[in-house]
Amino acid sequence: MKTFLLFFITALAEIGGCFATYAVLRQGRHPAWLLAGVGALALFAWLLTLHPAEGAGRIYAAYGGVYIAASLLWLWRVEGIVPDRFDLTGVFFCLLGAGIIMLAPRT
């Protein structure tokens, strides 16, 4: 559970950093948002190094599932768009896959 919480915090840093750029370029927000975005993306990169798994590729693969879930949460809570049943079905399978990757016994 601790691993997935860390993945979730990592995802929020990545999404926030990318959204800052989106907000400047697509929504006309003040360019100072880019500074916050760069900080969030630096935090994201650092947080990825804290994940307790062997192999960066395995971490990135499992993180991808949690990133998708966090993105849909962002869509709903920040952008005000409610995910539909297809979004929720897709995120279920993504999280299932992430769980298998992270929690499977390794020999």
N, C-alpha and C. Protein backbone atom coordinates (compact mmCIF):
# COMPACT_ATOMS: atom_id res chain seq x y z
N MET A 1 0.83 -1.20 0.00
CA MET A 1 0.00 0.00 0.00
C MET A 1 0.87 1.26 0.00
N LYS A 2 1.96 1.22 0.77
CA LYS A 2 2.88 2.35 0.83
C LYS A 2 3.45 2.67 -0.56
N THR A 3 3.75 1.62 -1.32
CA THR A 3 4.29 1.80 -2.67
C THR A 3 3.29 2.52 -3.56
N PHE A 4 2.02 2.13 -3.51
CA PHE A 4 1.02 2.75 -4.36
C PHE A 4 0.73 4.19 -3.92
N LEU A 5 0.83 4.48 -2.63
CA LEU A 5 0.68 5.86 -2.17
C LEU A 5 1.83 6.72 -2.72
N LEU A 6 3.04 6.19 -2.69
CA LEU A 6 4.18 6.91 -3.25
C LEU A 6 4.00 7.10 -4.76
N PHE A 7 3.50 6.07 -5.45
CA PHE A 7 3.20 6.21 -6.88
C PHE A 7 2.18 7.33 -7.11
N PHE A 8 1.16 7.40 -6.27
CA PHE A 8 0.11 8.39 -6.44
C PHE A 8 0.67 9.81 -6.25
N ILE A 9 1.50 10.00 -5.24
CA ILE A 9 2.11 11.30 -5.02
C ILE A 9 3.02 11.66 -6.20
N THR A 10 3.75 10.68 -6.69
CA THR A 10 4.61 10.87 -7.86
C THR A 10 3.77 11.31 -9.06
N ALA A 11 2.64 10.65 -9.26
CA ALA A 11 1.76 10.98 -10.39
C ALA A 11 1.22 12.40 -10.27
N LEU A 12 0.84 12.81 -9.07
CA LEU A 12 0.33 14.17 -8.91
C LEU A 12 1.39 15.21 -9.25
N ALA A 13 2.65 14.92 -8.89
CA ALA A 13 3.74 15.84 -9.25
C ALA A 13 3.91 15.92 -10.76
N GLU A 14 3.86 14.76 -11.44
CA GLU A 14 4.00 14.77 -12.89
C GLU A 14 2.83 15.47 -13.57
N ILE A 15 1.64 15.13 -13.17
CA ILE A 15 0.45 15.73 -13.78
C ILE A 15 0.43 17.23 -13.53
N GLY A 16 0.74 17.64 -12.29
CA GLY A 16 0.76 19.06 -11.98
C GLY A 16 1.78 19.82 -12.81
N GLY A 17 2.96 19.22 -12.99
CA GLY A 17 3.98 19.86 -13.81
C GLY A 17 3.57 19.99 -15.26
N CYS A 18 3.00 18.95 -15.79
CA CYS A 18 2.54 19.00 -17.19
C CYS A 18 1.34 19.93 -17.34
N PHE A 19 0.45 19.92 -16.37
CA PHE A 19 -0.72 20.78 -16.45
C PHE A 19 -0.33 22.25 -16.41
N ALA A 20 0.73 22.59 -15.68
CA ALA A 20 1.17 23.99 -15.63
C ALA A 20 1.53 24.48 -17.03
N THR A 21 2.23 23.65 -17.80
CA THR A 21 2.56 24.01 -19.18
C THR A 21 1.29 24.12 -20.02
N TYR A 22 0.39 23.17 -19.87
CA TYR A 22 -0.89 23.19 -20.58
C TYR A 22 -1.65 24.48 -20.25
N ALA A 23 -1.66 24.85 -18.97
CA ALA A 23 -2.40 26.04 -18.54
C ALA A 23 -1.83 27.31 -19.18
N VAL A 24 -0.51 27.38 -19.32
CA VAL A 24 0.10 28.55 -19.94
C VAL A 24 -0.19 28.57 -21.44
N LEU A 25 0.04 27.46 -22.10
CA LEU A 25 -0.06 27.43 -23.56
C LEU A 25 -1.49 27.34 -24.09
N ARG A 26 -2.39 26.70 -23.35
CA ARG A 26 -3.74 26.50 -23.86
C ARG A 26 -4.80 27.33 -23.15
N GLN A 27 -4.52 27.74 -21.92
CA GLN A 27 -5.52 28.49 -21.17
C GLN A 27 -5.10 29.93 -20.89
N GLY A 28 -3.93 30.32 -21.39
CA GLY A 28 -3.49 31.69 -21.24
C GLY A 28 -3.07 32.10 -19.84
N ARG A 29 -2.69 31.14 -19.01
CA ARG A 29 -2.25 31.48 -17.65
C ARG A 29 -0.90 32.19 -17.70
N HIS A 30 -0.57 32.86 -16.64
CA HIS A 30 0.67 33.63 -16.55
C HIS A 30 1.88 32.69 -16.69
N PRO A 31 2.90 33.11 -17.41
CA PRO A 31 4.09 32.27 -17.60
C PRO A 31 4.78 31.84 -16.31
N ALA A 32 4.52 32.50 -15.21
CA ALA A 32 5.10 32.09 -13.93
C ALA A 32 4.67 30.67 -13.55
N TRP A 33 3.54 30.23 -14.11
CA TRP A 33 3.10 28.86 -13.87
C TRP A 33 4.16 27.86 -14.32
N LEU A 34 4.95 28.25 -15.33
CA LEU A 34 5.99 27.35 -15.83
C LEU A 34 7.04 27.05 -14.76
N LEU A 35 7.33 28.01 -13.91
CA LEU A 35 8.28 27.77 -12.83
C LEU A 35 7.76 26.71 -11.87
N ALA A 36 6.50 26.81 -11.53
CA ALA A 36 5.88 25.80 -10.66
C ALA A 36 5.89 24.45 -11.36
N GLY A 37 5.65 24.47 -12.67
CA GLY A 37 5.66 23.23 -13.44
C GLY A 37 7.02 22.56 -13.45
N VAL A 38 8.06 23.35 -13.64
CA VAL A 38 9.42 22.80 -13.63
C VAL A 38 9.74 22.20 -12.25
N GLY A 39 9.35 22.91 -11.20
CA GLY A 39 9.56 22.38 -9.85
C GLY A 39 8.83 21.08 -9.62
N ALA A 40 7.58 21.01 -10.09
CA ALA A 40 6.79 19.78 -9.93
C ALA A 40 7.40 18.63 -10.71
N LEU A 41 7.91 18.91 -11.91
CA LEU A 41 8.51 17.84 -12.71
C LEU A 41 9.84 17.38 -12.11
N ALA A 42 10.59 18.29 -11.51
CA ALA A 42 11.81 17.89 -10.81
C ALA A 42 11.46 17.01 -9.61
N LEU A 43 10.42 17.38 -8.88
CA LEU A 43 9.95 16.56 -7.76
C LEU A 43 9.53 15.18 -8.26
N PHE A 44 8.81 15.13 -9.36
CA PHE A 44 8.39 13.87 -9.97
C PHE A 44 9.59 12.97 -10.25
N ALA A 45 10.62 13.52 -10.88
CA ALA A 45 11.79 12.71 -11.22
C ALA A 45 12.48 12.18 -9.97
N TRP A 46 12.58 13.00 -8.95
CA TRP A 46 13.20 12.57 -7.70
C TRP A 46 12.36 11.49 -7.02
N LEU A 47 11.04 11.67 -6.99
CA LEU A 47 10.17 10.69 -6.35
C LEU A 47 10.26 9.32 -7.02
N LEU A 48 10.44 9.30 -8.33
CA LEU A 48 10.57 8.02 -9.02
C LEU A 48 11.77 7.22 -8.52
N THR A 49 12.80 7.90 -8.06
CA THR A 49 13.98 7.19 -7.57
C THR A 49 13.76 6.56 -6.21
N LEU A 50 12.70 6.91 -5.53
CA LEU A 50 12.44 6.40 -4.17
C LEU A 50 11.66 5.09 -4.15
N HIS A 51 11.18 4.65 -5.29
CA HIS A 51 10.31 3.48 -5.32
C HIS A 51 11.11 2.20 -5.08
N PRO A 52 10.58 1.35 -4.19
CA PRO A 52 11.30 0.14 -3.77
C PRO A 52 11.07 -1.05 -4.71
N ALA A 53 11.64 -1.00 -5.87
CA ALA A 53 11.54 -2.13 -6.79
C ALA A 53 12.86 -2.27 -7.52
N GLU A 54 13.08 -3.45 -7.99
CA GLU A 54 14.31 -3.71 -8.72
C GLU A 54 14.10 -3.42 -10.19
N GLY A 55 14.91 -2.58 -10.74
CA GLY A 55 14.82 -2.26 -12.16
C GLY A 55 13.94 -1.06 -12.44
N ALA A 56 14.52 -0.06 -13.07
CA ALA A 56 13.77 1.15 -13.40
C ALA A 56 12.59 0.84 -14.31
N GLY A 57 12.78 -0.06 -15.27
CA GLY A 57 11.69 -0.38 -16.19
C GLY A 57 10.48 -0.96 -15.48
N ARG A 58 10.72 -1.78 -14.46
CA ARG A 58 9.60 -2.35 -13.70
C ARG A 58 8.87 -1.25 -12.93
N ILE A 59 9.63 -0.34 -12.35
CA ILE A 59 9.01 0.78 -11.63
C ILE A 59 8.16 1.61 -12.58
N TYR A 60 8.71 1.95 -13.75
CA TYR A 60 7.98 2.78 -14.70
C TYR A 60 6.72 2.08 -15.20
N ALA A 61 6.82 0.77 -15.42
CA ALA A 61 5.66 0.02 -15.91
C ALA A 61 4.53 0.03 -14.87
N ALA A 62 4.87 -0.26 -13.63
CA ALA A 62 3.86 -0.27 -12.58
C ALA A 62 3.33 1.13 -12.31
N TYR A 63 4.20 2.11 -12.34
CA TYR A 63 3.80 3.49 -12.13
C TYR A 63 2.79 3.93 -13.19
N GLY A 64 2.93 3.42 -14.40
CA GLY A 64 2.02 3.80 -15.48
C GLY A 64 0.56 3.56 -15.13
N GLY A 65 0.27 2.44 -14.48
CA GLY A 65 -1.10 2.15 -14.09
C GLY A 65 -1.64 3.14 -13.07
N VAL A 66 -0.81 3.48 -12.10
CA VAL A 66 -1.22 4.45 -11.09
C VAL A 66 -1.34 5.84 -11.70
N TYR A 67 -0.46 6.16 -12.65
CA TYR A 67 -0.53 7.45 -13.34
C TYR A 67 -1.86 7.59 -14.07
N ILE A 68 -2.31 6.54 -14.71
CA ILE A 68 -3.59 6.58 -15.41
C ILE A 68 -4.73 6.85 -14.43
N ALA A 69 -4.71 6.18 -13.28
CA ALA A 69 -5.74 6.40 -12.28
C ALA A 69 -5.71 7.84 -11.76
N ALA A 70 -4.51 8.34 -11.47
CA ALA A 70 -4.38 9.71 -10.98
C ALA A 70 -4.81 10.72 -12.04
N SER A 71 -4.56 10.42 -13.30
CA SER A 71 -4.98 11.31 -14.38
C SER A 71 -6.49 11.43 -14.45
N LEU A 72 -7.17 10.31 -14.27
CA LEU A 72 -8.64 10.35 -14.28
C LEU A 72 -9.17 11.08 -13.05
N LEU A 73 -8.50 10.92 -11.93
CA LEU A 73 -8.89 11.66 -10.73
C LEU A 73 -8.70 13.16 -10.96
N TRP A 74 -7.61 13.53 -11.60
CA TRP A 74 -7.35 14.94 -11.96
C TRP A 74 -8.44 15.45 -12.89
N LEU A 75 -8.77 14.66 -13.90
CA LEU A 75 -9.83 15.02 -14.84
C LEU A 75 -11.12 15.38 -14.10
N TRP A 76 -11.44 14.57 -13.11
CA TRP A 76 -12.68 14.74 -12.37
C TRP A 76 -12.60 15.91 -11.38
N ARG A 77 -11.57 15.91 -10.54
CA ARG A 77 -11.51 16.88 -9.45
C ARG A 77 -11.01 18.27 -9.87
N VAL A 78 -10.09 18.33 -10.83
CA VAL A 78 -9.52 19.62 -11.23
C VAL A 78 -10.24 20.19 -12.45
N GLU A 79 -10.50 19.32 -13.44
CA GLU A 79 -11.11 19.81 -14.67
C GLU A 79 -12.63 19.70 -14.67
N GLY A 80 -13.20 19.02 -13.70
CA GLY A 80 -14.64 18.96 -13.57
C GLY A 80 -15.34 18.02 -14.55
N ILE A 81 -14.60 17.10 -15.14
CA ILE A 81 -15.18 16.13 -16.08
C ILE A 81 -15.24 14.77 -15.39
N VAL A 82 -16.44 14.23 -15.27
CA VAL A 82 -16.62 12.95 -14.57
C VAL A 82 -16.22 11.80 -15.49
N PRO A 83 -15.29 10.94 -15.02
CA PRO A 83 -14.92 9.77 -15.84
C PRO A 83 -16.14 8.88 -16.09
N ASP A 84 -16.21 8.31 -17.29
CA ASP A 84 -17.34 7.43 -17.61
C ASP A 84 -16.98 5.97 -17.31
N ARG A 85 -17.90 5.08 -17.61
CA ARG A 85 -17.71 3.66 -17.27
C ARG A 85 -16.53 3.05 -18.02
N PHE A 86 -16.25 3.55 -19.20
CA PHE A 86 -15.11 3.02 -19.97
C PHE A 86 -13.79 3.47 -19.33
N ASP A 87 -13.75 4.71 -18.85
CA ASP A 87 -12.58 5.19 -18.12
C ASP A 87 -12.34 4.32 -16.88
N LEU A 88 -13.41 4.07 -16.14
CA LEU A 88 -13.29 3.31 -14.90
C LEU A 88 -12.92 1.85 -15.16
N THR A 89 -13.47 1.28 -16.21
CA THR A 89 -13.10 -0.10 -16.56
C THR A 89 -11.63 -0.16 -16.96
N GLY A 90 -11.19 0.78 -17.77
CA GLY A 90 -9.79 0.81 -18.18
C GLY A 90 -8.85 0.98 -17.02
N VAL A 91 -9.19 1.88 -16.09
CA VAL A 91 -8.30 2.11 -14.96
C VAL A 91 -8.26 0.89 -14.04
N PHE A 92 -9.35 0.16 -13.94
CA PHE A 92 -9.35 -1.07 -13.14
C PHE A 92 -8.29 -2.04 -13.67
N PHE A 93 -8.27 -2.24 -14.97
CA PHE A 93 -7.30 -3.18 -15.55
C PHE A 93 -5.88 -2.64 -15.44
N CYS A 94 -5.72 -1.34 -15.56
CA CYS A 94 -4.38 -0.75 -15.40
C CYS A 94 -3.85 -0.97 -13.98
N LEU A 95 -4.70 -0.73 -12.99
CA LEU A 95 -4.27 -0.94 -11.61
C LEU A 95 -4.03 -2.41 -11.29
N LEU A 96 -4.84 -3.26 -11.88
CA LEU A 96 -4.62 -4.70 -11.72
C LEU A 96 -3.25 -5.08 -12.27
N GLY A 97 -2.93 -4.59 -13.46
CA GLY A 97 -1.63 -4.86 -14.06
C GLY A 97 -0.49 -4.29 -13.24
N ALA A 98 -0.64 -3.07 -12.74
CA ALA A 98 0.40 -2.47 -11.90
C ALA A 98 0.62 -3.29 -10.64
N GLY A 99 -0.47 -3.77 -10.05
CA GLY A 99 -0.36 -4.60 -8.85
C GLY A 99 0.37 -5.90 -9.12
N ILE A 100 0.07 -6.52 -10.23
CA ILE A 100 0.76 -7.76 -10.59
C ILE A 100 2.25 -7.51 -10.78
N ILE A 101 2.59 -6.44 -11.47
CA ILE A 101 4.00 -6.12 -11.72
C ILE A 101 4.73 -5.86 -10.40
N MET A 102 4.14 -5.10 -9.50
CA MET A 102 4.83 -4.73 -8.27
C MET A 102 4.81 -5.79 -7.19
N LEU A 103 3.75 -6.58 -7.13
CA LEU A 103 3.58 -7.49 -5.99
C LEU A 103 3.87 -8.95 -6.30
N ALA A 104 4.14 -9.26 -7.55
CA ALA A 104 4.41 -10.66 -7.90
C ALA A 104 5.70 -11.13 -7.24
N PRO A 105 5.69 -12.39 -6.79
CA PRO A 105 6.93 -12.92 -6.19
C PRO A 105 8.01 -13.06 -7.28
N ARG A 106 9.20 -12.67 -6.95
CA ARG A 106 10.33 -12.77 -7.88
C ARG A 106 11.23 -13.91 -7.44
N THR A 107 11.71 -14.65 -8.42
CA THR A 107 12.61 -15.76 -8.10
C THR A 107 14.04 -15.46 -8.48
